[in-house]
Protein backbone atom coordinates (compact mmCIF):
# COMPACT_ATOMS: atom_id res chain seq x y z
CA MET A 1 116.44 110.67 91.98
CA LEU A 2 112.68 109.89 90.23
CA ASP A 3 112.34 112.17 87.55
CA SER A 4 109.38 114.43 88.61
CA ARG A 5 108.57 117.79 87.49
CA ILE A 6 108.14 120.05 90.63
CA GLU A 7 105.65 122.84 90.38
CA HIS A 8 106.64 126.72 91.11
CA ASP A 9 103.99 126.85 93.67
CA SER A 10 104.64 123.47 95.59
CA LYS A 11 104.55 122.87 98.74
CA LEU A 12 107.82 120.76 99.99
CA ILE A 13 107.13 118.32 102.46
CA PHE A 14 110.63 116.40 102.96
CA VAL A 15 110.33 113.00 104.37
CA HIS A 16 112.96 111.35 106.29
CA PRO A 17 112.73 107.51 107.12
CA GLY A 18 116.24 106.74 107.64
CA SER A 19 117.46 106.66 111.07
CA GLY A 20 120.92 106.17 111.24
CA GLY A 21 119.77 103.26 113.98
CA SER A 22 119.62 105.76 116.70
CA ALA A 23 116.64 104.70 117.57
CA PRO A 24 113.25 102.59 116.91
CA ALA A 25 111.40 104.46 113.33
CA LEU A 26 108.12 103.91 111.83
CA ASP A 27 107.96 101.36 108.97
CA VAL A 28 107.92 101.93 105.16
CA ASN A 29 104.20 100.90 105.08
CA GLN A 30 103.53 103.56 107.73
CA TYR A 31 105.77 106.54 105.50
CA ALA A 32 104.07 105.49 102.68
CA THR A 33 100.59 105.61 103.75
CA LEU A 34 100.92 108.74 105.78
CA ILE A 35 102.61 110.28 102.46
CA ASP A 36 99.45 109.11 100.70
CA LYS A 37 97.20 109.88 103.71
CA LEU A 38 98.61 113.77 103.28
CA SER A 39 99.32 113.99 99.53
CA VAL A 40 95.27 114.70 99.20
CA LYS A 41 96.73 118.44 100.06
CA ALA A 42 96.41 120.22 96.51
CA GLY A 43 100.38 121.49 95.99
CA TRP A 44 102.28 119.47 98.25
CA HIS A 45 105.31 118.19 96.62
CA PHE A 46 107.33 114.93 98.68
CA VAL A 47 111.23 114.90 98.89
CA ILE A 48 111.95 111.56 100.40
CA THR A 49 115.12 112.28 101.47
CA ALA A 50 118.00 109.78 102.02
CA GLY A 51 121.50 109.83 104.11
CA PRO A 52 124.64 107.46 103.20
CA GLY A 53 123.62 104.15 103.40
CA GLU A 54 119.60 105.07 103.93
CA ILE A 55 118.92 105.22 99.20
CA ASP A 56 117.60 101.59 99.50
CA LEU A 57 114.80 102.97 102.25
CA ALA A 58 113.73 105.66 100.67
CA ASN A 59 113.42 104.17 97.36
CA ARG A 60 111.22 101.48 99.39
CA VAL A 61 109.18 104.24 100.52
CA ALA A 62 108.59 106.24 97.13
CA SER A 63 107.50 102.83 95.01
CA MET A 64 104.92 102.31 97.97
CA THR A 65 103.11 105.36 97.73
CA LYS A 66 100.34 105.95 95.66
CA THR A 67 101.13 110.10 94.90
CA GLY A 68 102.77 111.33 91.73
CA ASN A 69 104.17 114.02 93.23
CA LYS A 70 107.45 113.11 94.78
CA THR A 71 111.40 113.18 94.70
CA VAL A 72 113.90 111.15 96.10
CA TYR A 73 116.78 112.75 96.98
CA GLN A 74 120.14 111.45 98.31
CA SER A 75 121.96 113.51 100.31
CA GLU A 76 125.85 113.08 98.55
CA GLY A 77 127.28 116.23 99.50
CA GLY A 78 128.50 116.01 103.13
CA VAL A 79 126.16 117.83 106.37
CA ALA A 80 126.71 121.40 105.53
CA ASN A 81 124.79 120.88 101.49
CA PHE A 82 122.34 119.02 102.73
CA SER A 83 121.92 121.45 105.96
CA LEU A 84 120.99 124.23 102.78
CA PHE A 85 118.66 121.66 101.57
CA LEU A 86 116.84 120.88 103.99
CA SER A 87 116.02 124.87 104.69
CA ILE A 88 113.97 125.08 101.68
CA ALA A 89 111.53 122.54 103.35
CA ASP A 90 107.74 123.76 103.78
CA LEU A 91 107.87 120.52 106.67
CA PHE A 92 109.60 118.12 107.68
CA ILE A 93 108.61 114.91 108.87
CA SER A 94 110.96 111.90 110.39
CA GLY A 95 111.29 110.14 113.40
CA SER A 96 114.49 110.69 116.09
CA THR A 97 117.12 111.47 114.28
CA GLY A 98 120.23 114.18 113.45
CA VAL A 99 118.67 115.36 110.52
CA LEU A 100 115.68 115.96 112.38
CA HIS A 101 117.31 118.42 114.76
CA ILE A 102 119.44 120.03 111.93
CA ALA A 103 115.83 120.72 110.32
CA GLY A 104 114.62 122.79 113.47
CA ALA A 105 117.75 124.13 114.46
CA LEU A 106 116.38 126.58 110.70
CA ASP A 107 113.32 126.97 112.24
CA VAL A 108 111.53 124.37 109.56
CA PRO A 109 107.83 123.72 110.51
CA THR A 110 108.41 119.23 112.29
CA VAL A 111 106.67 116.44 113.12
CA ALA A 112 108.53 114.02 114.71
CA PHE A 113 107.73 110.44 116.07
CA TYR A 114 109.30 109.42 119.60
CA THR A 115 109.40 106.55 121.71
CA ARG A 116 107.52 106.39 125.35
CA ARG A 117 110.94 105.11 127.02
CA GLN A 118 112.51 107.55 129.29
CA SER A 119 115.26 108.13 127.54
CA ALA A 120 113.76 109.15 124.12
CA THR A 121 110.98 111.46 124.62
CA SER A 122 110.41 114.02 122.78
CA LEU A 123 110.41 116.21 125.95
CA ARG A 124 114.42 115.48 126.08
CA TRP A 125 114.43 115.20 122.46
CA GLN A 126 112.43 118.04 120.59
CA THR A 127 113.65 120.50 117.80
CA MET A 128 114.79 123.86 118.69
CA ASN A 129 112.55 125.27 115.93
CA SER A 130 109.55 127.54 117.65
CA ALA A 131 106.87 125.86 119.59
CA ASP A 132 104.24 126.18 117.26
CA ARG A 133 106.19 124.73 114.78
CA ARG A 134 106.55 121.22 115.71
CA MET A 135 104.79 118.16 116.94
CA SER A 136 105.67 114.75 117.83
CA PHE A 137 104.07 111.45 118.07
CA SER A 138 104.91 108.41 120.20
CA PRO A 139 102.70 105.43 120.54
CA PRO A 140 100.38 105.00 122.55
CA GLU A 141 100.13 104.32 126.22
CA THR A 142 98.22 100.55 126.13
CA SER A 143 101.49 99.55 123.59
CA ASP A 144 105.23 98.58 124.19
CA ALA A 145 106.95 102.59 124.86
CA GLU A 146 108.71 101.64 121.76
CA ASP A 147 106.37 99.77 119.69
CA MET A 148 106.59 102.64 116.21
CA GLN A 149 104.04 100.21 114.48
CA SER A 150 101.71 100.84 116.99
CA ILE A 151 101.39 105.09 115.94
CA ASP A 152 98.15 104.78 113.86
CA VAL A 153 99.72 107.35 111.04
CA GLU A 154 96.16 108.10 109.06
CA ASN A 155 95.41 109.99 112.66
CA VAL A 156 98.47 111.61 112.87
CA ALA A 157 97.63 112.51 108.83
CA ASP A 158 94.58 114.54 110.68
CA GLU A 159 96.36 115.77 113.36
CA ILE A 160 98.80 116.92 110.73
CA PHE A 161 95.84 119.17 109.11
CA GLU A 162 94.29 120.24 112.16
CA SER A 163 96.97 121.45 114.17
CA ARG A 164 98.96 125.13 113.28
CA LEU A 165 101.05 123.78 110.45
CA SER A 166 97.63 122.94 108.44
CA ASP A 167 98.26 126.03 106.09
CA ILE A 168 101.41 125.30 105.57
């Protein structure tokens, strides 16, 4: 965990860059860019989460961001403890992972990244949280269905700010 103070009135934005290999994901540069773009919102603190075997990835994302409002959290207490921890998030951002679905089941607002491959779309794998508490993004129609690097995360950040999630 990075040595970082979290102000008591901060909004906690969890970012989970790991995918467990289950689906193509954004790369570390995209996650770092997204965090930096979102960090202009005053009072937001970013918690970069890591499951088993993902701590190096989380640390790489953290080291690439410019914001000082970040903490790295490694889940070591099992799924039940990690789920309890996820319940305090004000917003959860990740690719299509089991962790995303846990956050959704807790009705935490989610921002998810899915491929356009028919078997892996947001329509098929959307989270179970309320419809007004979820957003999803996929590669544009002009790119390969699984080219996650074609997602413009700066535009994603703008959409998050403009969306119904902006009051977070």
